[in-house]
């Protein structure tokens, strides 16, 4: 599935990723059972050899192209609330924006 279409299907992608990871574990369990290991021991051994499935799921989610946008979307309300409570931070932001806009306008006028 390509990344533009994944924006509306995040829960489905997470479910598919979990199913894929589980299928790999089940495949390893089947191989161990075929090798003569008891089923209970095969499941424990397969999970131990496979590693932490949660870490693999997180790595898989990080690969998705718009993960940074979700993080930003969650951070915006916190940042806005923080800016509203700190007057010094608000002043610094206004001065920085003013200087940046002024410098860009000056450079554009000079080049034009």
C-alpha atoms as a PDB file:
ATOM      1  CA  UNK A   1       0.000   0.000   0.000  1.00  0.00           C
ATOM      2  CA  UNK A   2       1.447   3.376  -1.038  1.00  0.00           C
ATOM      3  CA  UNK A   3       1.813   6.162   1.538  1.00  0.00           C
ATOM      4  CA  UNK A   4      -0.837   8.621   0.241  1.00  0.00           C
ATOM      5  CA  UNK A   5      -3.507   5.986   0.676  1.00  0.00           C
ATOM      6  CA  UNK A   6      -2.244   4.973   4.105  1.00  0.00           C
ATOM      7  CA  UNK A   7      -3.383   8.220   5.739  1.00  0.00           C
ATOM      8  CA  UNK A   8      -6.950   6.981   6.161  1.00  0.00           C
ATOM      9  CA  UNK A   9      -6.044   3.386   6.866  1.00  0.00           C
ATOM     10  CA  UNK A  10      -3.710   3.622   9.856  1.00  0.00           C
ATOM     11  CA  UNK A  11      -5.653   1.186  12.042  1.00  0.00           C
ATOM     12  CA  UNK A  12      -5.893  -1.303   9.188  1.00  0.00           C
ATOM     13  CA  UNK A  13      -2.146  -1.031   8.564  1.00  0.00           C
ATOM     14  CA  UNK A  14      -1.425  -1.580  12.255  1.00  0.00           C
ATOM     15  CA  UNK A  15      -3.647  -4.663  12.267  1.00  0.00           C
ATOM     16  CA  UNK A  16      -1.997  -6.012   9.105  1.00  0.00           C
ATOM     17  CA  UNK A  17       1.451  -5.434  10.609  1.00  0.00           C
ATOM     18  CA  UNK A  18       0.472  -7.313  13.783  1.00  0.00           C
ATOM     19  CA  UNK A  19      -0.919 -10.181  11.683  1.00  0.00           C
ATOM     20  CA  UNK A  20       2.266 -10.297   9.616  1.00  0.00           C
ATOM     21  CA  UNK A  21       4.464 -10.458  12.709  1.00  0.00           C
ATOM     22  CA  UNK A  22       2.259 -13.184  14.208  1.00  0.00           C
ATOM     23  CA  UNK A  23       2.410 -15.192  10.974  1.00  0.00           C
ATOM     24  CA  UNK A  24       6.220 -15.157  11.116  1.00  0.00           C
ATOM     25  CA  UNK A  25       6.123 -16.453  14.675  1.00  0.00           C
ATOM     26  CA  UNK A  26       3.609 -19.162  13.737  1.00  0.00           C
ATOM     27  CA  UNK A  27       5.818 -20.186  10.804  1.00  0.00           C
ATOM     28  CA  UNK A  28       8.781 -20.560  13.164  1.00  0.00           C
ATOM     29  CA  UNK A  29       6.619 -22.576  15.585  1.00  0.00           C
ATOM     30  CA  UNK A  30       5.600 -24.908  12.748  1.00  0.00           C
ATOM     31  CA  UNK A  31       9.234 -25.377  11.747  1.00  0.00           C
ATOM     32  CA  UNK A  32      10.206 -26.198  15.334  1.00  0.00           C
ATOM     33  CA  UNK A  33       7.317 -28.653  15.720  1.00  0.00           C
ATOM     34  CA  UNK A  34       8.399 -30.337  12.473  1.00  0.00           C
ATOM     35  CA  UNK A  35      11.889 -30.598  13.965  1.00  0.00           C
ATOM     36  CA  UNK A  36      10.475 -32.543  16.918  1.00  0.00           C
ATOM     37  CA  UNK A  37      10.083 -29.858  19.591  1.00  0.00           C
ATOM     38  CA  UNK A  38       6.953 -29.990  21.776  1.00  0.00           C
ATOM     39  CA  UNK A  39       4.328 -27.365  20.884  1.00  0.00           C
ATOM     40  CA  UNK A  40       4.523 -25.417  24.151  1.00  0.00           C
ATOM     41  CA  UNK A  41       8.326 -25.354  24.033  1.00  0.00           C
ATOM     42  CA  UNK A  42       8.242 -24.475  20.331  1.00  0.00           C
ATOM     43  CA  UNK A  43       6.048 -21.420  21.001  1.00  0.00           C
ATOM     44  CA  UNK A  44       8.305 -20.186  23.796  1.00  0.00           C
ATOM     45  CA  UNK A  45      11.438 -20.762  21.754  1.00  0.00           C
ATOM     46  CA  UNK A  46       9.990 -19.096  18.631  1.00  0.00           C
ATOM     47  CA  UNK A  47       8.988 -15.974  20.582  1.00  0.00           C
ATOM     48  CA  UNK A  48      12.391 -15.863  22.260  1.00  0.00           C
ATOM     49  CA  UNK A  49      14.243 -16.223  18.937  1.00  0.00           C
ATOM     50  CA  UNK A  50      11.974 -13.772  17.144  1.00  0.00           C
ATOM     51  CA  UNK A  51      12.491 -11.050  19.718  1.00  0.00           C
ATOM     52  CA  UNK A  52      10.220  -8.342  20.994  1.00  0.00           C
ATOM     53  CA  UNK A  53       7.266  -8.065  18.590  1.00  0.00           C
ATOM     54  CA  UNK A  54       6.323  -4.646  19.983  1.00  0.00           C
ATOM     55  CA  UNK A  55       9.707  -3.221  18.997  1.00  0.00           C
ATOM     56  CA  UNK A  56       9.322  -4.626  15.486  1.00  0.00           C
ATOM     57  CA  UNK A  57       5.837  -3.090  15.252  1.00  0.00           C
ATOM     58  CA  UNK A  58       7.181   0.312  16.344  1.00  0.00           C
ATOM     59  CA  UNK A  59       9.986   0.107  13.785  1.00  0.00           C
ATOM     60  CA  UNK A  60       7.431  -0.780  11.122  1.00  0.00           C
ATOM     61  CA  UNK A  61       5.278   2.213  12.054  1.00  0.00           C
ATOM     62  CA  UNK A  62       8.304   4.526  11.956  1.00  0.00           C
ATOM     63  CA  UNK A  63       8.890   3.540   8.348  1.00  0.00           C
ATOM     64  CA  UNK A  64       5.496   4.902   7.303  1.00  0.00           C
ATOM     65  CA  UNK A  65       5.973   8.232   5.574  1.00  0.00           C
ATOM     66  CA  UNK A  66       3.573  10.355   7.631  1.00  0.00           C
ATOM     67  CA  UNK A  67       4.559   9.279  11.146  1.00  0.00           C
ATOM     68  CA  UNK A  68       6.232  12.660  11.732  1.00  0.00           C
ATOM     69  CA  UNK A  69       2.970  14.411  10.880  1.00  0.00           C
ATOM     70  CA  UNK A  70       1.097  12.477  13.568  1.00  0.00           C
ATOM     71  CA  UNK A  71       3.749  13.418  16.122  1.00  0.00           C
ATOM     72  CA  UNK A  72       3.582  17.072  15.073  1.00  0.00           C
ATOM     73  CA  UNK A  73      -0.230  17.037  15.225  1.00  0.00           C
ATOM     74  CA  UNK A  74      -0.065  15.788  18.825  1.00  0.00           C
ATOM     75  CA  UNK A  75       2.604  18.358  19.807  1.00  0.00           C
ATOM     76  CA  UNK A  76       0.877  21.468  18.427  1.00  0.00           C
ATOM     77  CA  UNK A  77      -1.709  21.865  21.249  1.00  0.00           C
ATOM     78  CA  UNK A  78       0.975  21.466  23.886  1.00  0.00           C
ATOM     79  CA  UNK A  79       3.209  24.022  22.172  1.00  0.00           C
ATOM     80  CA  UNK A  80       0.368  26.531  21.801  1.00  0.00           C
ATOM     81  CA  UNK A  81      -0.618  26.158  25.448  1.00  0.00           C
ATOM     82  CA  UNK A  82       2.998  26.636  26.498  1.00  0.00           C
ATOM     83  CA  UNK A  83       3.388  29.780  24.361  1.00  0.00           C
ATOM     84  CA  UNK A  84       0.203  31.233  25.810  1.00  0.00           C
ATOM     85  CA  UNK A  85       1.394  30.914  29.396  1.00  0.00           C
ATOM     86  CA  UNK A  86       4.910  32.292  28.980  1.00  0.00           C
ATOM     87  CA  UNK A  87       5.012  35.995  28.051  1.00  0.00           C
ATOM     88  CA  UNK A  88       8.807  36.052  27.551  1.00  0.00           C
ATOM     89  CA  UNK A  89       8.585  33.206  25.061  1.00  0.00           C
ATOM     90  CA  UNK A  90       5.815  35.036  23.226  1.00  0.00           C
ATOM     91  CA  UNK A  91       7.961  38.191  22.999  1.00  0.00           C
ATOM     92  CA  UNK A  92      10.947  36.266  21.676  1.00  0.00           C
ATOM     93  CA  UNK A  93       8.749  34.586  19.045  1.00  0.00           C
ATOM     94  CA  UNK A  94       7.322  37.932  17.865  1.00  0.00           C
ATOM     95  CA  UNK A  95      10.771  39.570  17.692  1.00  0.00           C
ATOM     96  CA  UNK A  96      12.228  36.591  15.831  1.00  0.00           C
ATOM     97  CA  UNK A  97       9.389  36.592  13.306  1.00  0.00           C
ATOM     98  CA  UNK A  98       9.714  40.349  12.840  1.00  0.00           C
ATOM     99  CA  UNK A  99      13.454  40.169  12.245  1.00  0.00           C
ATOM    100  CA  UNK A 100      13.085  37.257   9.850  1.00  0.00           C
ATOM    101  CA  UNK A 101      10.344  38.916   7.817  1.00  0.00           C
ATOM    102  CA  UNK A 102      12.265  42.190   7.760  1.00  0.00           C
ATOM    103  CA  UNK A 103      15.478  40.521   6.632  1.00  0.00           C
ATOM    104  CA  UNK A 104      13.688  38.586   3.884  1.00  0.00           C
ATOM    105  CA  UNK A 105      11.908  41.735   2.665  1.00  0.00           C
ATOM    106  CA  UNK A 106      15.193  43.663   2.602  1.00  0.00           C
ATOM    107  CA  UNK A 107      16.993  40.913   0.671  1.00  0.00           C
ATOM    108  CA  UNK A 108      14.133  40.564  -1.797  1.00  0.00           C
ATOM    109  CA  UNK A 109      14.055  44.333  -2.386  1.00  0.00           C
ATOM    110  CA  UNK A 110      17.834  44.420  -2.841  1.00  0.00           C
ATOM    111  CA  UNK A 111      17.824  41.513  -5.337  1.00  0.00           C
ATOM    112  CA  UNK A 112      14.777  42.812  -7.229  1.00  0.00           C
END
